[in-house]
Amino acid sequence: MTRNEFITSLSARLQGIPGTERQKALDWYSELICDRMEEMPEADAVSGIGSVDEIAGEILSQYRQNTTAVHSSDGTEPQSRRSPDKGVNTALVIFAAAVLSPIWLPLLIVGLSLALIAVVLVWCAVVTVGVMLVSAAAVGVVGLFYGFWAMFVINPAYGLLVLGAALTAAGLTLALIPLIVVTVKGAAKFTVWSVGKICCLVHRKGK
């Protein structure tokens, strides 16, 4: 399960609590997964924090306990008592983000650009290895046929030389096959990791 799938599933199970409280919980678990993704793959980071049903049950149970405690003490709806402070805090956050945008926005753009460049370079390496593999295979196949033909038509020594070059190309092809497999797998993992990091970065800056 990915981070987005986990957050979507958790949000669907928390429809019984107010939107503000639900968003708090979703943001907290999203940050938690992002932090864990710095040390492990995304799937492991998500599975390691527990199942969606268990987490949703704990959040709903805690919310009911808090609501019951507030009602029993003063009978006042907790959201109504806290909403003015939340409004002020939200306004301050928005104001600070707007004032500091000339600093963090260029840094965010640079970070995203560098991540994109890194992904492109990795896949360029994959394409390069793939072109080398195809070229070596083509040289090996053509060289074998041409080498046998040259042995009987042009010159035996020349034909043997061509056959040697063709066999070398064939050996290079066999050597490049494991390399291209490893390169593709590594590029795919790096791309997924980079996209996850970019999503976490955008999520944090957008809050």
Protein backbone atom coordinates (compact mmCIF):
# COMPACT_ATOMS: atom_id res chain seq x y z
CA MET A 1 0.00 0.00 0.00
CA THR A 2 1.29 3.46 -0.86
CA ARG A 3 1.15 6.54 1.35
CA ASN A 4 -1.67 8.07 -0.70
CA GLU A 5 -3.70 4.85 -0.56
CA PHE A 6 -3.23 4.65 3.20
CA ILE A 7 -4.29 8.28 3.76
CA THR A 8 -7.34 7.85 1.48
CA SER A 9 -8.44 4.70 3.31
CA LEU A 10 -7.91 6.31 6.71
CA SER A 11 -9.87 9.40 5.67
CA ALA A 12 -12.79 7.24 4.57
CA ARG A 13 -12.88 5.54 8.00
CA LEU A 14 -12.75 8.84 9.91
CA GLN A 15 -15.89 10.39 8.44
CA GLY A 16 -17.52 10.29 11.88
CA ILE A 17 -15.33 13.05 13.32
CA PRO A 18 -15.17 16.77 12.40
CA GLY A 19 -13.14 17.72 9.35
CA THR A 20 -10.54 19.66 11.31
CA GLU A 21 -9.80 16.78 13.68
CA ARG A 22 -9.77 14.34 10.78
CA GLN A 23 -7.31 16.45 8.78
CA LYS A 24 -5.03 16.73 11.84
CA ALA A 25 -4.86 12.95 12.09
CA LEU A 26 -4.29 12.54 8.35
CA ASP A 27 -1.49 15.13 8.34
CA TRP A 28 0.17 13.50 11.33
CA TYR A 29 0.22 10.04 9.77
CA SER A 30 1.29 11.46 6.41
CA GLU A 31 4.28 13.13 8.09
CA LEU A 32 5.03 9.92 9.98
CA ILE A 33 5.11 7.89 6.76
CA CYS A 34 7.27 10.52 5.04
CA ASP A 35 9.79 10.36 7.89
CA ARG A 36 9.87 6.56 7.76
CA MET A 37 10.35 6.64 3.96
CA GLU A 38 13.72 8.29 4.53
CA GLU A 39 14.98 5.00 5.95
CA MET A 40 12.99 2.34 4.09
CA PRO A 41 10.81 1.72 1.00
CA GLU A 42 7.36 3.28 0.88
CA ALA A 43 5.49 -0.03 1.24
CA ASP A 44 7.49 -0.96 4.36
CA ALA A 45 7.02 2.51 5.82
CA VAL A 46 3.24 2.20 5.45
CA SER A 47 2.87 -1.39 6.65
CA GLY A 48 5.09 -0.78 9.66
CA ILE A 49 2.72 1.69 11.35
CA GLY A 50 -0.18 -0.77 11.54
CA SER A 51 -3.43 -1.49 9.73
CA VAL A 52 -5.82 1.26 8.69
CA ASP A 53 -8.71 -0.27 10.67
CA GLU A 54 -6.73 -0.41 13.92
CA ILE A 55 -5.47 3.15 13.57
CA ALA A 56 -8.92 4.48 12.67
CA GLY A 57 -10.42 2.66 15.66
CA GLU A 58 -7.85 4.20 18.02
CA ILE A 59 -8.44 7.71 16.63
CA LEU A 60 -12.24 7.40 16.88
CA SER A 61 -12.02 5.99 20.39
CA GLN A 62 -9.70 8.77 21.53
CA TYR A 63 -11.92 11.41 19.95
CA ARG A 64 -15.02 10.04 21.72
CA GLN A 65 -13.19 10.01 25.05
CA ASN A 66 -12.03 13.61 24.61
CA THR A 67 -15.49 14.76 23.55
CA THR A 68 -17.14 13.01 26.49
CA ALA A 69 -14.63 14.51 28.94
CA VAL A 70 -15.21 18.06 27.66
CA HIS A 71 -19.00 17.70 27.71
CA SER A 72 -18.97 16.27 31.23
CA SER A 73 -16.81 19.14 32.54
CA ASP A 74 -18.56 22.19 31.11
CA GLY A 75 -21.08 20.99 28.51
CA THR A 76 -19.47 23.15 25.85
CA GLU A 77 -18.81 21.86 22.32
CA PRO A 78 -15.00 21.56 22.07
CA GLN A 79 -14.86 22.80 18.51
CA SER A 80 -16.71 26.00 19.34
CA ARG A 81 -14.29 26.78 22.18
CA ARG A 82 -11.20 26.26 20.07
CA SER A 83 -12.34 27.61 16.73
CA PRO A 84 -11.27 31.26 17.35
CA ASP A 85 -7.72 30.20 18.25
CA LYS A 86 -7.58 27.93 15.25
CA GLY A 87 -8.73 30.73 13.00
CA VAL A 88 -5.98 33.01 14.32
CA ASN A 89 -3.35 30.28 13.97
CA THR A 90 -4.44 29.52 10.42
CA ALA A 91 -4.27 33.19 9.49
CA LEU A 92 -0.78 33.48 10.98
CA VAL A 93 0.40 30.39 9.09
CA ILE A 94 -0.99 31.74 5.81
CA PHE A 95 0.57 35.16 6.45
CA ALA A 96 3.96 33.63 7.32
CA ALA A 97 3.87 31.41 4.23
CA ALA A 98 3.10 34.40 2.03
CA VAL A 99 5.85 36.54 3.56
CA LEU A 100 8.45 33.77 3.36
CA SER A 101 7.41 32.58 -0.10
CA PRO A 102 10.33 34.42 -1.82
CA ILE A 103 12.64 32.15 0.23
CA TRP A 104 10.98 28.73 0.28
CA LEU A 105 9.35 28.84 -3.15
CA PRO A 106 12.64 29.13 -5.13
CA LEU A 107 14.18 26.43 -2.92
CA LEU A 108 11.20 24.18 -3.60
CA ILE A 109 11.50 24.78 -7.35
CA VAL A 110 15.24 24.08 -7.28
CA GLY A 111 14.70 20.89 -5.28
CA LEU A 112 12.03 19.63 -7.66
CA SER A 113 14.20 20.51 -10.66
CA LEU A 114 17.19 18.63 -9.25
CA ALA A 115 15.05 15.59 -8.50
CA LEU A 116 13.65 15.64 -12.03
CA ILE A 117 17.15 15.98 -13.52
CA ALA A 118 18.37 13.05 -11.42
CA VAL A 119 15.48 10.86 -12.64
CA VAL A 120 16.17 11.84 -16.27
CA LEU A 121 19.89 11.08 -15.91
CA VAL A 122 19.18 7.68 -14.41
CA TRP A 123 16.89 6.75 -17.29
CA CYS A 124 19.45 8.10 -19.77
CA ALA A 125 21.89 5.59 -18.31
CA VAL A 126 19.29 2.86 -18.84
CA VAL A 127 18.82 3.91 -22.48
CA THR A 128 22.60 4.02 -23.01
CA VAL A 129 23.07 0.50 -21.71
CA GLY A 130 20.13 -0.65 -23.82
CA VAL A 131 21.62 0.86 -26.98
CA MET A 132 24.95 -0.82 -26.22
CA LEU A 133 23.18 -4.15 -25.77
CA VAL A 134 21.28 -3.87 -29.06
CA SER A 135 24.40 -2.71 -30.91
CA ALA A 136 26.54 -5.55 -29.56
CA ALA A 137 23.87 -8.09 -30.43
CA ALA A 138 23.53 -6.73 -33.97
CA VAL A 139 27.29 -6.73 -34.51
CA GLY A 140 27.53 -10.29 -33.19
CA VAL A 141 24.77 -11.66 -35.43
CA VAL A 142 25.91 -9.84 -38.58
CA GLY A 143 29.57 -10.61 -37.85
CA LEU A 144 28.96 -14.34 -37.57
CA PHE A 145 27.30 -14.53 -40.96
CA TYR A 146 29.82 -12.20 -42.57
CA GLY A 147 32.76 -14.01 -40.98
CA PHE A 148 31.74 -17.41 -42.33
CA TRP A 149 31.14 -15.89 -45.76
CA ALA A 150 34.52 -14.10 -45.71
CA MET A 151 36.36 -17.30 -44.79
CA PHE A 152 35.32 -19.00 -48.03
CA VAL A 153 34.99 -16.02 -50.37
CA ILE A 154 37.55 -13.40 -49.36
CA ASN A 155 40.28 -14.77 -47.12
CA PRO A 156 40.29 -17.41 -44.35
CA ALA A 157 42.42 -15.29 -42.03
CA TYR A 158 40.21 -12.27 -42.54
CA GLY A 159 37.11 -14.41 -41.96
CA LEU A 160 38.53 -15.76 -38.70
CA LEU A 161 39.29 -12.21 -37.59
CA VAL A 162 35.71 -11.18 -38.26
CA LEU A 163 34.40 -14.26 -36.45
CA GLY A 164 36.56 -13.39 -33.45
CA ALA A 165 35.15 -9.87 -33.37
CA ALA A 166 31.61 -11.27 -33.70
CA LEU A 167 32.13 -13.69 -30.83
CA THR A 168 33.51 -10.84 -28.73
CA ALA A 169 30.38 -8.81 -29.47
CA ALA A 170 28.22 -11.80 -28.58
CA GLY A 171 30.06 -12.17 -25.28
CA LEU A 172 29.57 -8.48 -24.58
CA THR A 173 25.86 -8.91 -25.27
CA LEU A 174 25.61 -11.72 -22.72
CA ALA A 175 27.52 -9.60 -20.20
CA LEU A 176 25.23 -6.60 -20.74
CA ILE A 177 21.98 -8.52 -20.20
CA PRO A 178 22.36 -8.75 -16.38
CA LEU A 179 23.55 -5.14 -16.34
CA ILE A 180 20.48 -3.86 -18.17
CA VAL A 181 18.21 -5.83 -15.82
CA VAL A 182 19.90 -4.37 -12.75
CA THR A 183 19.90 -0.88 -14.26
CA VAL A 184 16.19 -0.97 -15.08
CA LYS A 185 15.29 -2.23 -11.61
CA GLY A 186 17.47 0.38 -9.97
CA ALA A 187 16.05 3.17 -12.14
CA ALA A 188 12.49 2.08 -11.36
CA LYS A 189 13.16 2.02 -7.60
CA PHE A 190 14.92 5.38 -7.75
CA THR A 191 12.01 6.89 -9.69
CA VAL A 192 9.46 5.62 -7.17
CA TRP A 193 11.61 6.86 -4.28
CA SER A 194 12.06 10.29 -5.91
CA VAL A 195 8.35 10.68 -6.62
CA GLY A 196 7.59 9.77 -3.00
CA LYS A 197 10.07 12.34 -1.74
CA ILE A 198 8.67 15.01 -4.06
CA CYS A 199 5.12 14.26 -2.89
CA CYS A 200 6.21 14.52 0.75
CA LEU A 201 8.04 17.79 0.07
CA VAL A 202 5.08 19.33 -1.75
CA HIS A 203 2.74 18.12 0.99
CA ARG A 204 4.85 19.72 3.70
CA LYS A 205 5.24 23.02 1.88
CA GLY A 206 1.55 23.10 1.05
CA LYS A 207 0.46 22.83 4.66
